[in-house]
N, C-alpha and C. Protein backbone atom coordinates (compact mmCIF):
# COMPACT_ATOMS: atom_id res chain seq x y z
N UNK A 1 15.31 -21.49 3.52
CA UNK A 1 14.57 -20.24 3.52
C UNK A 1 15.14 -19.35 4.63
N UNK A 2 15.33 -18.08 4.32
CA UNK A 2 15.93 -17.16 5.29
C UNK A 2 14.88 -16.66 6.29
N UNK A 3 15.35 -16.16 7.42
CA UNK A 3 14.46 -15.59 8.43
C UNK A 3 13.70 -14.40 7.86
N UNK A 4 14.34 -13.64 6.99
CA UNK A 4 13.69 -12.48 6.36
C UNK A 4 12.49 -12.95 5.56
N UNK A 5 12.68 -13.97 4.75
CA UNK A 5 11.58 -14.46 3.92
C UNK A 5 10.47 -15.08 4.76
N UNK A 6 10.83 -15.76 5.83
CA UNK A 6 9.83 -16.33 6.74
C UNK A 6 8.97 -15.22 7.34
N UNK A 7 9.60 -14.13 7.77
CA UNK A 7 8.86 -13.00 8.36
C UNK A 7 7.91 -12.39 7.34
N UNK A 8 8.39 -12.16 6.13
CA UNK A 8 7.56 -11.57 5.07
C UNK A 8 6.39 -12.49 4.73
N UNK A 9 6.67 -13.77 4.56
CA UNK A 9 5.61 -14.73 4.23
C UNK A 9 4.58 -14.82 5.35
N UNK A 10 5.04 -14.81 6.60
CA UNK A 10 4.14 -14.94 7.74
C UNK A 10 3.16 -13.77 7.77
N UNK A 11 3.66 -12.56 7.58
CA UNK A 11 2.78 -11.38 7.57
C UNK A 11 1.81 -11.47 6.40
N UNK A 12 2.31 -11.78 5.21
CA UNK A 12 1.44 -11.85 4.04
C UNK A 12 0.35 -12.91 4.20
N UNK A 13 0.64 -14.01 4.88
CA UNK A 13 -0.36 -15.05 5.11
C UNK A 13 -1.41 -14.60 6.13
N UNK A 14 -1.02 -13.72 7.06
CA UNK A 14 -1.94 -13.30 8.11
C UNK A 14 -2.74 -12.05 7.76
N UNK A 15 -2.40 -11.35 6.69
CA UNK A 15 -3.16 -10.16 6.30
C UNK A 15 -4.63 -10.49 6.04
N UNK A 16 -4.96 -11.57 5.31
CA UNK A 16 -6.39 -11.86 5.08
C UNK A 16 -7.16 -12.18 6.37
N UNK A 17 -6.47 -12.62 7.41
CA UNK A 17 -7.11 -12.97 8.68
C UNK A 17 -7.24 -11.76 9.61
N UNK A 18 -6.70 -10.63 9.19
CA UNK A 18 -6.68 -9.43 10.04
C UNK A 18 -7.75 -8.46 9.57
N UNK A 19 -8.53 -7.94 10.50
CA UNK A 19 -9.59 -7.00 10.16
C UNK A 19 -9.01 -5.71 9.62
N UNK A 20 -9.80 -5.02 8.80
CA UNK A 20 -9.40 -3.72 8.29
C UNK A 20 -9.13 -2.78 9.46
N UNK A 21 -8.01 -2.07 9.41
CA UNK A 21 -7.63 -1.20 10.51
C UNK A 21 -6.87 -1.93 11.61
N UNK A 22 -6.68 -3.22 11.44
CA UNK A 22 -6.00 -4.03 12.45
C UNK A 22 -4.49 -3.91 12.36
N UNK A 23 -3.83 -4.59 13.29
CA UNK A 23 -2.37 -4.54 13.39
C UNK A 23 -1.83 -5.96 13.48
N UNK A 24 -0.72 -6.20 12.80
CA UNK A 24 0.05 -7.43 12.95
C UNK A 24 1.39 -7.01 13.55
N UNK A 25 1.73 -7.57 14.69
CA UNK A 25 2.99 -7.21 15.35
C UNK A 25 3.71 -8.49 15.76
N UNK A 26 5.05 -8.46 15.64
CA UNK A 26 5.83 -9.61 16.07
C UNK A 26 7.25 -9.18 16.39
N UNK A 27 7.92 -9.94 17.26
CA UNK A 27 9.32 -9.62 17.56
C UNK A 27 10.22 -9.99 16.39
N UNK A 28 11.25 -9.19 16.18
CA UNK A 28 12.22 -9.47 15.12
C UNK A 28 13.06 -10.67 15.55
N UNK A 29 13.51 -11.44 14.59
CA UNK A 29 14.32 -12.62 14.90
C UNK A 29 15.69 -12.18 15.44
N UNK A 30 16.32 -13.01 16.28
CA UNK A 30 17.64 -12.67 16.84
C UNK A 30 18.69 -12.49 15.74
N UNK A 31 19.53 -11.50 15.90
CA UNK A 31 20.62 -11.29 14.96
C UNK A 31 20.22 -10.53 13.70
N UNK A 32 19.04 -9.92 13.70
CA UNK A 32 18.60 -9.17 12.52
C UNK A 32 19.52 -7.97 12.28
N UNK A 33 19.86 -7.75 11.03
CA UNK A 33 20.71 -6.62 10.67
C UNK A 33 19.85 -5.46 10.15
N UNK A 34 20.47 -4.29 9.99
CA UNK A 34 19.75 -3.15 9.43
C UNK A 34 19.23 -3.48 8.03
N UNK A 35 20.04 -4.23 7.28
CA UNK A 35 19.62 -4.63 5.93
C UNK A 35 18.38 -5.52 6.00
N UNK A 36 18.35 -6.46 6.94
CA UNK A 36 17.18 -7.33 7.12
C UNK A 36 15.95 -6.49 7.42
N UNK A 37 16.10 -5.54 8.33
CA UNK A 37 14.98 -4.67 8.73
C UNK A 37 14.45 -3.89 7.52
N UNK A 38 15.36 -3.30 6.74
CA UNK A 38 14.96 -2.53 5.55
C UNK A 38 14.29 -3.42 4.51
N UNK A 39 14.82 -4.62 4.31
CA UNK A 39 14.25 -5.55 3.33
C UNK A 39 12.82 -5.93 3.71
N UNK A 40 12.61 -6.26 4.97
CA UNK A 40 11.27 -6.61 5.45
C UNK A 40 10.33 -5.42 5.30
N UNK A 41 10.78 -4.25 5.72
CA UNK A 41 9.93 -3.06 5.67
C UNK A 41 9.54 -2.71 4.23
N UNK A 42 10.50 -2.71 3.31
CA UNK A 42 10.21 -2.38 1.92
C UNK A 42 9.28 -3.41 1.28
N UNK A 43 9.50 -4.68 1.57
CA UNK A 43 8.67 -5.72 0.98
C UNK A 43 7.23 -5.62 1.46
N UNK A 44 7.04 -5.44 2.77
CA UNK A 44 5.69 -5.36 3.32
C UNK A 44 4.99 -4.09 2.88
N UNK A 45 5.73 -2.98 2.79
CA UNK A 45 5.13 -1.72 2.38
C UNK A 45 4.62 -1.80 0.94
N UNK A 46 5.19 -2.69 0.15
CA UNK A 46 4.75 -2.87 -1.23
C UNK A 46 3.40 -3.55 -1.37
N UNK A 47 2.91 -4.15 -0.30
CA UNK A 47 1.61 -4.82 -0.33
C UNK A 47 0.50 -3.77 -0.29
N UNK A 48 -0.45 -3.83 -1.23
CA UNK A 48 -1.50 -2.81 -1.31
C UNK A 48 -2.44 -2.81 -0.10
N UNK A 49 -2.47 -3.89 0.67
CA UNK A 49 -3.35 -3.96 1.84
C UNK A 49 -2.68 -3.37 3.09
N UNK A 50 -1.41 -3.03 3.00
CA UNK A 50 -0.67 -2.52 4.15
C UNK A 50 -0.70 -0.99 4.15
N UNK A 51 -1.09 -0.40 5.29
CA UNK A 51 -1.11 1.06 5.43
C UNK A 51 0.29 1.55 5.79
N UNK A 52 0.83 1.04 6.90
CA UNK A 52 2.16 1.45 7.35
C UNK A 52 2.91 0.27 7.92
N UNK A 53 4.24 0.37 7.91
CA UNK A 53 5.11 -0.63 8.51
C UNK A 53 6.12 0.10 9.37
N UNK A 54 6.21 -0.29 10.64
CA UNK A 54 7.22 0.22 11.55
C UNK A 54 8.10 -0.96 11.91
N UNK A 55 9.39 -0.86 11.59
CA UNK A 55 10.29 -1.99 11.84
C UNK A 55 11.57 -1.51 12.50
N UNK A 56 12.06 -2.32 13.42
CA UNK A 56 13.35 -2.06 14.06
C UNK A 56 14.01 -3.41 14.29
N UNK A 57 15.17 -3.40 14.92
CA UNK A 57 15.86 -4.66 15.21
C UNK A 57 15.15 -5.43 16.32
N UNK A 58 14.18 -4.82 17.00
CA UNK A 58 13.46 -5.49 18.08
C UNK A 58 12.08 -6.00 17.68
N UNK A 59 11.38 -5.27 16.80
CA UNK A 59 10.01 -5.64 16.49
C UNK A 59 9.58 -5.12 15.12
N UNK A 60 8.43 -5.63 14.65
CA UNK A 60 7.79 -5.14 13.43
C UNK A 60 6.32 -4.96 13.73
N UNK A 61 5.78 -3.80 13.34
CA UNK A 61 4.35 -3.52 13.49
C UNK A 61 3.81 -3.15 12.12
N UNK A 62 2.80 -3.88 11.68
CA UNK A 62 2.20 -3.67 10.37
C UNK A 62 0.75 -3.25 10.57
N UNK A 63 0.39 -2.06 10.09
CA UNK A 63 -1.00 -1.58 10.16
C UNK A 63 -1.67 -1.91 8.84
N UNK A 64 -2.84 -2.52 8.93
CA UNK A 64 -3.59 -2.95 7.75
C UNK A 64 -4.61 -1.88 7.39
N UNK A 65 -4.78 -1.64 6.08
CA UNK A 65 -5.76 -0.64 5.61
C UNK A 65 -7.16 -1.09 5.93
């Protein structure tokens, strides 16, 4: 399993545990590429429970609706 998929799965598993209006934030894994960042951002943004996703090579912040 790739680091990208682990990050996506981890966020999706934690969304039900996060209060409405809450935030899930985590550091990006070492060696993340721009493609990895875009893949994570697009995948998480597709979740109907996600309001916004801010992602960079350093971190990811997911705001929950």
